[in-house]
């Protein structure tokens, strides 16, 4: 088996794993009852799923131009997903969409 074939199989495995994690994130967004739970489901497995998908695409394509574009997408995904989740969580908290009795610690109670 050649090195290209091994990379193709690893890429296919990454694509399947990334797709399954993205599916799990989508199901979590639909099924979880609370805004914070949904936000968690939308960010944690989704980011890992996108990274696995990008790794799989990179292993399949293997050209410098494509790898550069994949690296840019990965950097932007890693930079924007946590910021967006933090903004959604804070907006939900301030608008009263969070059941505060479910929180272990309420750092924003003092107006922060």
PDB file of N, CA and C in Angstrom:
ATOM      1  N   UNK A   1       0.860  -1.175   0.000  1.00  0.00           N
ATOM      2  CA  UNK A   1       0.000   0.000   0.000  1.00  0.00           C
ATOM      3  C   UNK A   1       0.904   1.236   0.000  1.00  0.00           C
ATOM      4  N   UNK A   2       0.630   2.153  -0.885  1.00  0.00           N
ATOM      5  CA  UNK A   2       1.469   3.346  -1.018  1.00  0.00           C
ATOM      6  C   UNK A   2       1.121   4.377   0.054  1.00  0.00           C
ATOM      7  N   UNK A   3       2.009   5.359   0.186  1.00  0.00           N
ATOM      8  CA  UNK A   3       1.798   6.417   1.167  1.00  0.00           C
ATOM      9  C   UNK A   3       0.564   7.253   0.824  1.00  0.00           C
ATOM     10  N   UNK A   4       0.315   7.450  -0.466  1.00  0.00           N
ATOM     11  CA  UNK A   4      -0.876   8.189  -0.888  1.00  0.00           C
ATOM     12  C   UNK A   4      -2.163   7.470  -0.516  1.00  0.00           C
ATOM     13  N   UNK A   5      -2.155   6.151  -0.635  1.00  0.00           N
ATOM     14  CA  UNK A   5      -3.346   5.379  -0.275  1.00  0.00           C
ATOM     15  C   UNK A   5      -3.595   5.429   1.228  1.00  0.00           C
ATOM     16  N   UNK A   6      -2.520   5.373   2.014  1.00  0.00           N
ATOM     17  CA  UNK A   6      -2.670   5.474   3.468  1.00  0.00           C
ATOM     18  C   UNK A   6      -3.235   6.842   3.840  1.00  0.00           C
ATOM     19  N   UNK A   7      -2.720   7.897   3.202  1.00  0.00           N
ATOM     20  CA  UNK A   7      -3.232   9.248   3.469  1.00  0.00           C
ATOM     21  C   UNK A   7      -4.697   9.363   3.065  1.00  0.00           C
ATOM     22  N   UNK A   8      -5.068   8.726   1.957  1.00  0.00           N
ATOM     23  CA  UNK A   8      -6.472   8.755   1.538  1.00  0.00           C
ATOM     24  C   UNK A   8      -7.372   8.058   2.556  1.00  0.00           C
ATOM     25  N   UNK A   9      -6.935   6.920   3.078  1.00  0.00           N
ATOM     26  CA  UNK A   9      -7.731   6.206   4.078  1.00  0.00           C
ATOM     27  C   UNK A   9      -7.825   6.991   5.379  1.00  0.00           C
ATOM     28  N   UNK A  10      -6.716   7.589   5.798  1.00  0.00           N
ATOM     29  CA  UNK A  10      -6.758   8.428   7.001  1.00  0.00           C
ATOM     30  C   UNK A  10      -7.662   9.639   6.788  1.00  0.00           C
ATOM     31  N   UNK A  11      -7.589  10.218   5.600  1.00  0.00           N
ATOM     32  CA  UNK A  11      -8.466  11.346   5.281  1.00  0.00           C
ATOM     33  C   UNK A  11      -9.929  10.949   5.312  1.00  0.00           C
ATOM     34  N   UNK A  12     -10.228   9.773   4.774  1.00  0.00           N
ATOM     35  CA  UNK A  12     -11.614   9.302   4.797  1.00  0.00           C
ATOM     36  C   UNK A  12     -12.086   9.080   6.230  1.00  0.00           C
ATOM     37  N   UNK A  13     -11.214   8.535   7.074  1.00  0.00           N
ATOM     38  CA  UNK A  13     -11.574   8.348   8.480  1.00  0.00           C
ATOM     39  C   UNK A  13     -11.821   9.667   9.189  1.00  0.00           C
ATOM     40  N   UNK A  14     -10.978  10.657   8.903  1.00  0.00           N
ATOM     41  CA  UNK A  14     -11.179  11.984   9.497  1.00  0.00           C
ATOM     42  C   UNK A  14     -12.485  12.608   9.014  1.00  0.00           C
ATOM     43  N   UNK A  15     -12.796  12.422   7.738  1.00  0.00           N
ATOM     44  CA  UNK A  15     -14.046  12.975   7.206  1.00  0.00           C
ATOM     45  C   UNK A  15     -15.263  12.341   7.877  1.00  0.00           C
ATOM     46  N   UNK A  16     -15.235  11.034   8.053  1.00  0.00           N
ATOM     47  CA  UNK A  16     -16.363  10.352   8.699  1.00  0.00           C
ATOM     48  C   UNK A  16     -16.481  10.778  10.162  1.00  0.00           C
ATOM     49  N   UNK A  17     -15.354  10.827  10.874  1.00  0.00           N
ATOM     50  CA  UNK A  17     -15.391  11.233  12.283  1.00  0.00           C
ATOM     51  C   UNK A  17     -15.863  12.678  12.426  1.00  0.00           C
ATOM     52  N   UNK A  18     -15.393  13.558  11.557  1.00  0.00           N
ATOM     53  CA  UNK A  18     -15.829  14.955  11.601  1.00  0.00           C
ATOM     54  C   UNK A  18     -17.306  15.107  11.298  1.00  0.00           C
ATOM     55  N   UNK A  19     -17.788  14.325  10.335  1.00  0.00           N
ATOM     56  CA  UNK A  19     -19.213  14.385  10.011  1.00  0.00           C
ATOM     57  C   UNK A  19     -20.060  13.885  11.177  1.00  0.00           C
ATOM     58  N   UNK A  20     -19.609  12.841  11.855  1.00  0.00           N
ATOM     59  CA  UNK A  20     -20.362  12.327  13.002  1.00  0.00           C
ATOM     60  C   UNK A  20     -20.372  13.324  14.159  1.00  0.00           C
ATOM     61  N   UNK A  21     -19.253  13.992  14.398  1.00  0.00           N
ATOM     62  CA  UNK A  21     -19.229  15.007  15.455  1.00  0.00           C
ATOM     63  C   UNK A  21     -20.120  16.196  15.102  1.00  0.00           C
ATOM     64  N   UNK A  22     -20.122  16.580  13.843  1.00  0.00           N
ATOM     65  CA  UNK A  22     -21.001  17.671  13.430  1.00  0.00           C
ATOM     66  C   UNK A  22     -22.465  17.268  13.556  1.00  0.00           C
ATOM     67  N   UNK A  23     -22.766  16.023  13.243  1.00  0.00           N
ATOM     68  CA  UNK A  23     -24.128  15.519  13.427  1.00  0.00           C
ATOM     69  C   UNK A  23     -24.510  15.527  14.903  1.00  0.00           C
ATOM     70  N   UNK A  24     -23.597  15.099  15.764  1.00  0.00           N
ATOM     71  CA  UNK A  24     -23.871  15.117  17.205  1.00  0.00           C
ATOM     72  C   UNK A  24     -24.108  16.540  17.693  1.00  0.00           C
ATOM     73  N   UNK A  25     -23.350  17.496  17.171  1.00  0.00           N
ATOM     74  CA  UNK A  25     -23.556  18.896  17.556  1.00  0.00           C
ATOM     75  C   UNK A  25     -24.930  19.382  17.114  1.00  0.00           C
ATOM     76  N   UNK A  26     -25.336  19.029  15.919  1.00  0.00           N
ATOM     77  CA  UNK A  26     -26.656  19.432  15.442  1.00  0.00           C
ATOM     78  C   UNK A  26     -27.780  18.820  16.255  1.00  0.00           C
ATOM     79  N   UNK A  27     -27.638  17.560  16.606  1.00  0.00           N
ATOM     80  CA  UNK A  27     -28.650  16.909  17.441  1.00  0.00           C
ATOM     81  C   UNK A  27     -28.698  17.557  18.816  1.00  0.00           C
ATOM     82  N   UNK A  28     -27.530  17.893  19.356  1.00  0.00           N
ATOM     83  CA  UNK A  28     -27.490  18.550  20.659  1.00  0.00           C
ATOM     84  C   UNK A  28     -28.171  19.901  20.650  1.00  0.00           C
ATOM     85  N   UNK A  29     -27.993  20.651  19.576  1.00  0.00           N
ATOM     86  CA  UNK A  29     -28.648  21.960  19.475  1.00  0.00           C
ATOM     87  C   UNK A  29     -30.163  21.796  19.454  1.00  0.00           C
ATOM     88  N   UNK A  30     -30.639  20.760  18.808  1.00  0.00           N
ATOM     89  CA  UNK A  30     -32.083  20.542  18.738  1.00  0.00           C
ATOM     90  C   UNK A  30     -32.662  19.958  20.025  1.00  0.00           C
ATOM     91  N   UNK A  31     -31.894  19.128  20.721  1.00  0.00           N
ATOM     92  CA  UNK A  31     -32.445  18.372  21.840  1.00  0.00           C
ATOM     93  C   UNK A  31     -32.235  18.989  23.216  1.00  0.00           C
ATOM     94  N   UNK A  32     -31.181  19.776  23.401  1.00  0.00           N
ATOM     95  CA  UNK A  32     -30.912  20.312  24.737  1.00  0.00           C
ATOM     96  C   UNK A  32     -31.922  21.382  25.103  1.00  0.00           C
ATOM     97  N   UNK A  33     -32.325  21.444  26.379  1.00  0.00           N
ATOM     98  CA  UNK A  33     -33.408  22.344  26.772  1.00  0.00           C
ATOM     99  C   UNK A  33     -32.980  23.780  27.049  1.00  0.00           C
ATOM    100  N   UNK A  34     -31.746  24.003  27.450  1.00  0.00           N
ATOM    101  CA  UNK A  34     -31.312  25.310  27.930  1.00  0.00           C
ATOM    102  C   UNK A  34     -30.418  25.988  26.896  1.00  0.00           C
ATOM    103  N   UNK A  35     -30.385  27.303  26.928  1.00  0.00           N
ATOM    104  CA  UNK A  35     -29.557  28.072  25.997  1.00  0.00           C
ATOM    105  C   UNK A  35     -28.082  27.723  26.169  1.00  0.00           C
ATOM    106  N   UNK A  36     -27.624  27.629  27.404  1.00  0.00           N
ATOM    107  CA  UNK A  36     -26.213  27.339  27.642  1.00  0.00           C
ATOM    108  C   UNK A  36     -25.844  25.925  27.197  1.00  0.00           C
ATOM    109  N   UNK A  37     -26.740  24.972  27.391  1.00  0.00           N
ATOM    110  CA  UNK A  37     -26.487  23.616  26.908  1.00  0.00           C
ATOM    111  C   UNK A  37     -26.420  23.590  25.389  1.00  0.00           C
ATOM    112  N   UNK A  38     -27.325  24.295  24.750  1.00  0.00           N
ATOM    113  CA  UNK A  38     -27.312  24.359  23.290  1.00  0.00           C
ATOM    114  C   UNK A  38     -26.057  25.037  22.770  1.00  0.00           C
ATOM    115  N   UNK A  39     -25.639  26.088  23.465  1.00  0.00           N
ATOM    116  CA  UNK A  39     -24.421  26.783  23.068  1.00  0.00           C
ATOM    117  C   UNK A  39     -23.220  25.846  23.187  1.00  0.00           C
ATOM    118  N   UNK A  40     -23.175  25.067  24.246  1.00  0.00           N
ATOM    119  CA  UNK A  40     -22.091  24.108  24.434  1.00  0.00           C
ATOM    120  C   UNK A  40     -22.093  23.094  23.288  1.00  0.00           C
ATOM    121  N   UNK A  41     -23.274  22.588  22.946  1.00  0.00           N
ATOM    122  CA  UNK A  41     -23.372  21.613  21.863  1.00  0.00           C
ATOM    123  C   UNK A  41     -23.002  22.220  20.517  1.00  0.00           C
ATOM    124  N   UNK A  42     -23.244  23.502  20.354  1.00  0.00           N
ATOM    125  CA  UNK A  42     -22.943  24.142  19.078  1.00  0.00           C
ATOM    126  C   UNK A  42     -21.468  24.467  18.924  1.00  0.00           C
ATOM    127  N   UNK A  43     -20.719  24.552  20.015  1.00  0.00           N
ATOM    128  CA  UNK A  43     -19.324  24.970  19.892  1.00  0.00           C
ATOM    129  C   UNK A  43     -18.336  23.831  20.096  1.00  0.00           C
ATOM    130  N   UNK A  44     -18.448  23.088  21.152  1.00  0.00           N
ATOM    131  CA  UNK A  44     -17.403  22.104  21.482  1.00  0.00           C
ATOM    132  C   UNK A  44     -17.277  21.004  20.429  1.00  0.00           C
ATOM    133  N   UNK A  45     -18.292  20.187  20.188  1.00  0.00           N
ATOM    134  CA  UNK A  45     -18.095  19.135  19.188  1.00  0.00           C
ATOM    135  C   UNK A  45     -18.042  19.674  17.766  1.00  0.00           C
ATOM    136  N   UNK A  46     -18.668  20.809  17.523  1.00  0.00           N
ATOM    137  CA  UNK A  46     -18.657  21.362  16.180  1.00  0.00           C
ATOM    138  C   UNK A  46     -17.255  21.796  15.771  1.00  0.00           C
ATOM    139  N   UNK A  47     -16.529  22.437  16.674  1.00  0.00           N
ATOM    140  CA  UNK A  47     -15.169  22.877  16.346  1.00  0.00           C
ATOM    141  C   UNK A  47     -14.276  21.670  16.078  1.00  0.00           C
ATOM    142  N   UNK A  48     -14.350  20.654  16.924  1.00  0.00           N
ATOM    143  CA  UNK A  48     -13.554  19.452  16.691  1.00  0.00           C
ATOM    144  C   UNK A  48     -13.986  18.763  15.396  1.00  0.00           C
ATOM    145  N   UNK A  49     -15.289  18.747  15.123  1.00  0.00           N
ATOM    146  CA  UNK A  49     -15.776  18.155  13.885  1.00  0.00           C
ATOM    147  C   UNK A  49     -15.264  18.885  12.656  1.00  0.00           C
ATOM    148  N   UNK A  50     -15.269  20.204  12.698  1.00  0.00           N
ATOM    149  CA  UNK A  50     -14.757  20.982  11.567  1.00  0.00           C
ATOM    150  C   UNK A  50     -13.259  20.754  11.406  1.00  0.00           C
ATOM    151  N   UNK A  51     -12.528  20.682  12.518  1.00  0.00           N
ATOM    152  CA  UNK A  51     -11.080  20.440  12.427  1.00  0.00           C
ATOM    153  C   UNK A  51     -10.794  19.063  11.820  1.00  0.00           C
ATOM    154  N   UNK A  52     -11.583  18.056  12.202  1.00  0.00           N
ATOM    155  CA  UNK A  52     -11.402  16.732  11.607  1.00  0.00           C
ATOM    156  C   UNK A  52     -11.768  16.736  10.126  1.00  0.00           C
ATOM    157  N   UNK A  53     -12.826  17.447   9.769  1.00  0.00           N
ATOM    158  CA  UNK A  53     -13.181  17.552   8.354  1.00  0.00           C
ATOM    159  C   UNK A  53     -12.079  18.240   7.558  1.00  0.00           C
ATOM    160  N   UNK A  54     -11.529  19.308   8.105  1.00  0.00           N
ATOM    161  CA  UNK A  54     -10.446  20.007   7.415  1.00  0.00           C
ATOM    162  C   UNK A  54      -9.200  19.130   7.304  1.00  0.00           C
ATOM    163  N   UNK A  55      -8.906  18.373   8.357  1.00  0.00           N
ATOM    164  CA  UNK A  55      -7.765  17.454   8.295  1.00  0.00           C
ATOM    165  C   UNK A  55      -7.994  16.385   7.229  1.00  0.00           C
ATOM    166  N   UNK A  56      -9.210  15.878   7.159  1.00  0.00           N
ATOM    167  CA  UNK A  56      -9.526  14.884   6.142  1.00  0.00           C
ATOM    168  C   UNK A  56      -9.417  15.432   4.736  1.00  0.00           C
ATOM    169  N   UNK A  57      -9.903  16.638   4.532  1.00  0.00           N
ATOM    170  CA  UNK A  57      -9.793  17.266   3.209  1.00  0.00           C
ATOM    171  C   UNK A  57      -8.328  17.522   2.875  1.00  0.00           C
ATOM    172  N   UNK A  58      -7.558  17.971   3.872  1.00  0.00           N
ATOM    173  CA  UNK A  58      -6.137  18.212   3.640  1.00  0.00           C
ATOM    174  C   UNK A  58      -5.381  16.943   3.283  1.00  0.00           C
ATOM    175  N   UNK A  59      -5.724  15.833   3.936  1.00  0.00           N
ATOM    176  CA  UNK A  59      -5.076  14.561   3.616  1.00  0.00           C
ATOM    177  C   UNK A  59      -5.470  14.055   2.239  1.00  0.00           C
ATOM    178  N   UNK A  60      -6.651  14.405   1.793  1.00  0.00           N
ATOM    179  CA  UNK A  60      -7.095  13.953   0.473  1.00  0.00           C
ATOM    180  C   UNK A  60      -6.555  14.827  -0.660  1.00  0.00           C
ATOM    181  N   UNK A  61      -6.471  16.129  -0.452  1.00  0.00           N
ATOM    182  CA  UNK A  61      -6.063  17.027  -1.538  1.00  0.00           C
ATOM    183  C   UNK A  61      -4.547  17.152  -1.655  1.00  0.00           C
ATOM    184  N   UNK A  62      -3.873  17.485  -0.569  1.00  0.00           N
ATOM    185  CA  UNK A  62      -2.411  17.508  -0.474  1.00  0.00           C
ATOM    186  C   UNK A  62      -1.708  18.480  -1.413  1.00  0.00           C
ATOM    187  N   UNK A  63      -2.336  19.539  -1.866  1.00  0.00           N
ATOM    188  CA  UNK A  63      -1.635  20.554  -2.661  1.00  0.00           C
ATOM    189  C   UNK A  63      -1.359  21.758  -1.769  1.00  0.00           C
ATOM    190  N   UNK A  64      -0.263  22.468  -1.996  1.00  0.00           N
ATOM    191  CA  UNK A  64       0.073  23.602  -1.120  1.00  0.00           C
ATOM    192  C   UNK A  64      -1.002  24.685  -1.082  1.00  0.00           C
ATOM    193  N   UNK A  65      -1.622  24.967  -2.209  1.00  0.00           N
ATOM    194  CA  UNK A  65      -2.667  25.993  -2.233  1.00  0.00           C
ATOM    195  C   UNK A  65      -3.858  25.579  -1.376  1.00  0.00           C
ATOM    196  N   UNK A  66      -4.255  24.338  -1.515  1.00  0.00           N
ATOM    197  CA  UNK A  66      -5.394  23.847  -0.732  1.00  0.00           C
ATOM    198  C   UNK A  66      -5.061  23.783   0.757  1.00  0.00           C
ATOM    199  N   UNK A  67      -3.859  23.360   1.080  1.00  0.00           N
ATOM    200  CA  UNK A  67      -3.465  23.282   2.488  1.00  0.00           C
ATOM    201  C   UNK A  67      -3.390  24.664   3.126  1.00  0.00           C
ATOM    202  N   UNK A  68      -2.960  25.658   2.361  1.00  0.00           N
ATOM    203  CA  UNK A  68      -2.953  27.028   2.877  1.00  0.00           C
ATOM    204  C   UNK A  68      -4.354  27.535   3.159  1.00  0.00           C
ATOM    205  N   UNK A  69      -5.278  27.259   2.252  1.00  0.00           N
ATOM    206  CA  UNK A  69      -6.663  27.678   2.455  1.00  0.00           C
ATOM    207  C   UNK A  69      -7.283  26.942   3.643  1.00  0.00           C
ATOM    208  N   UNK A  70      -6.991  25.666   3.769  1.00  0.00           N
ATOM    209  CA  UNK A  70      -7.508  24.888   4.898  1.00  0.00           C
ATOM    210  C   UNK A  70      -6.965  25.436   6.215  1.00  0.00           C
ATOM    211  N   UNK A  71      -5.691  25.805   6.230  1.00  0.00           N
ATOM    212  CA  UNK A  71      -5.104  26.373   7.447  1.00  0.00           C
ATOM    213  C   UNK A  71      -5.780  27.690   7.819  1.00  0.00           C
ATOM    214  N   UNK A  72      -6.086  28.522   6.831  1.00  0.00           N
ATOM    215  CA  UNK A  72      -6.790  29.779   7.113  1.00  0.00           C
ATOM    216  C   UNK A  72      -8.181  29.526   7.682  1.00  0.00           C
ATOM    217  N   UNK A  73      -8.895  28.588   7.097  1.00  0.00           N
ATOM    218  CA  UNK A  73     -10.231  28.255   7.598  1.00  0.00           C
ATOM    219  C   UNK A  73     -10.142  27.746   9.035  1.00  0.00           C
ATOM    220  N   UNK A  74      -9.151  26.918   9.321  1.00  0.00           N
ATOM    221  CA  UNK A  74      -8.991  26.383  10.677  1.00  0.00           C
ATOM    222  C   UNK A  74      -8.693  27.494  11.677  1.00  0.00           C
ATOM    223  N   UNK A  75      -7.819  28.420  11.302  1.00  0.00           N
ATOM    224  CA  UNK A  75      -7.483  29.522  12.211  1.00  0.00           C
ATOM    225  C   UNK A  75      -8.707  30.389  12.476  1.00  0.00           C
ATOM    226  N   UNK A  76      -9.447  30.723  11.437  1.00  0.00           N
ATOM    227  CA  UNK A  76     -10.640  31.557  11.630  1.00  0.00           C
ATOM    228  C   UNK A  76     -11.704  30.830  12.441  1.00  0.00           C
ATOM    229  N   UNK A  77     -11.861  29.545  12.233  1.00  0.00           N
ATOM    230  CA  UNK A  77     -12.830  28.774  13.015  1.00  0.00           C
ATOM    231  C   UNK A  77     -12.436  28.737  14.487  1.00  0.00           C
ATOM    232  N   UNK A  78     -11.162  28.495  14.747  1.00  0.00           N
ATOM    233  CA  UNK A  78     -10.696  28.441  16.136  1.00  0.00           C
ATOM    234  C   UNK A  78     -10.744  29.806  16.811  1.00  0.00           C
ATOM    235  N   UNK A  79     -10.624  30.871  16.029  1.00  0.00           N
ATOM    236  CA  UNK A  79     -10.646  32.218  16.611  1.00  0.00           C
ATOM    237  C   UNK A  79     -12.064  32.727  16.844  1.00  0.00           C
ATOM    238  N   UNK A  80     -12.997  32.367  15.986  1.00  0.00           N
ATOM    239  CA  UNK A  80     -14.332  32.958  16.078  1.00  0.00           C
ATOM    240  C   UNK A  80     -15.320  32.141  16.902  1.00  0.00           C
ATOM    241  N   UNK A  81     -15.203  30.833  16.946  1.00  0.00           N
ATOM    242  CA  UNK A  81     -16.187  30.016  17.665  1.00  0.00           C
ATOM    243  C   UNK A  81     -16.225  30.321  19.163  1.00  0.00           C
ATOM    244  N   UNK A  82     -15.100  30.422  19.865  1.00  0.00           N
ATOM    245  CA  UNK A  82     -15.188  30.747  21.298  1.00  0.00           C
ATOM    246  C   UNK A  82     -15.733  32.149  21.556  1.00  0.00           C
ATOM    247  N   UNK A  83     -15.371  33.094  20.713  1.00  0.00           N
ATOM    248  CA  UNK A  83     -15.862  34.466  20.888  1.00  0.00           C
ATOM    249  C   UNK A  83     -17.369  34.515  20.673  1.00  0.00           C
ATOM    250  N   UNK A  84     -17.846  33.846  19.638  1.00  0.00           N
ATOM    251  CA  UNK A  84     -19.282  33.827  19.372  1.00  0.00           C
ATOM    252  C   UNK A  84     -20.040  33.136  20.502  1.00  0.00           C
ATOM    253  N   UNK A  85     -19.501  32.044  21.019  1.00  0.00           N
ATOM    254  CA  UNK A  85     -20.163  31.342  22.118  1.00  0.00           C
ATOM    255  C   UNK A  85     -20.222  32.208  23.367  1.00  0.00           C
ATOM    256  N   UNK A  86     -19.158  32.937  23.642  1.00  0.00           N
ATOM    257  CA  UNK A  86     -19.150  33.818  24.808  1.00  0.00           C
ATOM    258  C   UNK A  86     -20.174  34.930  24.644  1.00  0.00           C
ATOM    259  N   UNK A  87     -20.283  35.481  23.448  1.00  0.00           N
ATOM    260  CA  UNK A  87     -21.251  36.555  23.209  1.00  0.00           C
ATOM    261  C   UNK A  87     -22.685  36.042  23.315  1.00  0.00           C
ATOM    262  N   UNK A  88     -22.947  34.862  22.792  1.00  0.00           N
ATOM    263  CA  UNK A  88     -24.288  34.281  22.881  1.00  0.00           C
ATOM    264  C   UNK A  88     -24.637  33.977  24.332  1.00  0.00           C
ATOM    265  N   UNK A  89     -23.694  33.420  25.078  1.00  0.00           N
ATOM    266  CA  UNK A  89     -23.940  33.116  26.486  1.00  0.00           C
ATOM    267  C   UNK A  89     -24.221  34.356  27.312  1.00  0.00           C
ATOM    268  N   UNK A  90     -23.439  35.396  27.093  1.00  0.00           N
ATOM    269  CA  UNK A  90     -23.651  36.632  27.855  1.00  0.00           C
ATOM    270  C   UNK A  90     -24.980  37.293  27.470  1.00  0.00           C
ATOM    271  N   UNK A  91     -25.313  37.291  26.183  1.00  0.00           N
ATOM    272  CA  UNK A  91     -26.586  37.875  25.757  1.00  0.00           C
ATOM    273  C   UNK A  91     -27.763  37.091  26.332  1.00  0.00           C
ATOM    274  N   UNK A  92     -27.654  35.769  26.351  1.00  0.00           N
ATOM    275  CA  UNK A  92     -28.727  34.954  26.924  1.00  0.00           C
ATOM    276  C   UNK A  92     -28.860  35.208  28.416  1.00  0.00           C
ATOM    277  N   UNK A  93     -27.758  35.360  29.101  1.00  0.00           N
ATOM    278  CA  UNK A  93     -27.787  35.635  30.539  1.00  0.00           C
ATOM    279  C   UNK A  93     -28.441  36.984  30.813  1.00  0.00           C
ATOM    280  N   UNK A  94     -28.035  37.996  30.088  1.00  0.00           N
ATOM    281  CA  UNK A  94     -28.555  39.345  30.332  1.00  0.00           C
ATOM    282  C   UNK A  94     -30.020  39.491  29.942  1.00  0.00           C
ATOM    283  N   UNK A  95     -30.466  38.719  28.963  1.00  0.00           N
ATOM    284  CA  UNK A  95     -31.863  38.821  28.543  1.00  0.00           C
ATOM    285  C   UNK A  95     -32.788  37.939  29.375  1.00  0.00           C
ATOM    286  N   UNK A  96     -32.232  37.181  30.311  1.00  0.00           N
ATOM    287  CA  UNK A  96     -33.058  36.335  31.170  1.00  0.00           C
ATOM    288  C   UNK A  96     -33.362  34.977  30.582  1.00  0.00           C
ATOM    289  N   UNK A  97     -32.635  34.566  29.562  1.00  0.00           N
ATOM    290  CA  UNK A  97     -32.873  33.274  28.933  1.00  0.00           C
ATOM    291  C   UNK A  97     -32.181  32.114  29.610  1.00  0.00           C
ATOM    292  N   UNK A  98     -31.492  32.376  30.723  1.00  0.00           N
ATOM    293  CA  UNK A  98     -30.746  31.339  31.432  1.00  0.00           C
ATOM    294  C   UNK A  98     -31.410  31.086  32.777  1.00  0.00           C
ATOM    295  N   UNK A  99     -31.656  29.822  33.084  1.00  0.00           N
ATOM    296  CA  UNK A  99     -32.176  29.439  34.396  1.00  0.00           C
ATOM    297  C   UNK A  99     -31.013  29.467  35.382  1.00  0.00           C
ATOM    298  N   UNK A 100     -30.959  30.500  36.198  1.00  0.00           N
ATOM    299  CA  UNK A 100     -29.809  30.713  37.079  1.00  0.00           C
ATOM    300  C   UNK A 100     -29.723  29.687  38.199  1.00  0.00           C
ATOM    301  N   UNK A 101     -30.798  28.966  38.456  1.00  0.00           N
ATOM    302  CA  UNK A 101     -30.732  27.930  39.492  1.00  0.00           C
ATOM    303  C   UNK A 101     -29.885  26.737  39.032  1.00  0.00           C
ATOM    304  N   UNK A 102     -29.663  26.611  37.733  1.00  0.00           N
ATOM    305  CA  UNK A 102     -28.854  25.512  37.212  1.00  0.00           C
ATOM    306  C   UNK A 102     -27.358  25.813  37.224  1.00  0.00           C
ATOM    307  N   UNK A 103     -26.984  27.054  37.506  1.00  0.00           N
ATOM    308  CA  UNK A 103     -25.577  27.445  37.478  1.00  0.00           C
ATOM    309  C   UNK A 103     -24.879  27.030  38.768  1.00  0.00           C
ATOM    310  N   UNK A 104     -23.686  26.480  38.647  1.00  0.00           N
ATOM    311  CA  UNK A 104     -22.875  26.156  39.830  1.00  0.00           C
ATOM    312  C   UNK A 104     -22.319  27.424  40.455  1.00  0.00           C
ATOM    313  N   UNK A 105     -21.830  28.320  39.625  1.00  0.00           N
ATOM    314  CA  UNK A 105     -21.296  29.606  40.081  1.00  0.00           C
ATOM    315  C   UNK A 105     -21.844  30.685  39.154  1.00  0.00           C
ATOM    316  N   UNK A 106     -22.217  31.806  39.719  1.00  0.00           N
ATOM    317  CA  UNK A 106     -22.816  32.895  38.945  1.00  0.00           C
ATOM    318  C   UNK A 106     -21.900  34.116  39.004  1.00  0.00           C
ATOM    319  N   UNK A 107     -20.874  34.123  38.153  1.00  0.00           N
ATOM    320  CA  UNK A 107     -19.907  35.211  38.156  1.00  0.00           C
ATOM    321  C   UNK A 107     -20.487  36.516  37.632  1.00  0.00           C
ATOM    322  N   UNK A 108     -21.534  36.445  36.850  1.00  0.00           N
ATOM    323  CA  UNK A 108     -22.113  37.650  36.260  1.00  0.00           C
ATOM    324  C   UNK A 108     -23.189  38.284  37.137  1.00  0.00           C
ATOM    325  N   UNK A 109     -23.446  37.736  38.304  1.00  0.00           N
ATOM    326  CA  UNK A 109     -24.512  38.252  39.165  1.00  0.00           C
ATOM    327  C   UNK A 109     -24.238  39.672  39.631  1.00  0.00           C
ATOM    328  N   UNK A 110     -22.974  40.076  39.703  1.00  0.00           N
ATOM    329  CA  UNK A 110     -22.628  41.420  40.157  1.00  0.00           C
ATOM    330  C   UNK A 110     -22.655  42.442  39.031  1.00  0.00           C
ATOM    331  N   UNK A 111     -23.180  42.085  37.889  1.00  0.00           N
ATOM    332  CA  UNK A 111     -23.269  43.016  36.768  1.00  0.00           C
ATOM    333  C   UNK A 111     -22.098  42.928  35.812  1.00  0.00           C
ATOM    334  N   UNK A 112     -21.258  41.927  35.930  1.00  0.00           N
ATOM    335  CA  UNK A 112     -20.081  41.774  35.068  1.00  0.00           C
ATOM    336  C   UNK A 112     -20.434  41.254  33.780  1.00  0.00           C
TER     337      UNK A 112
END
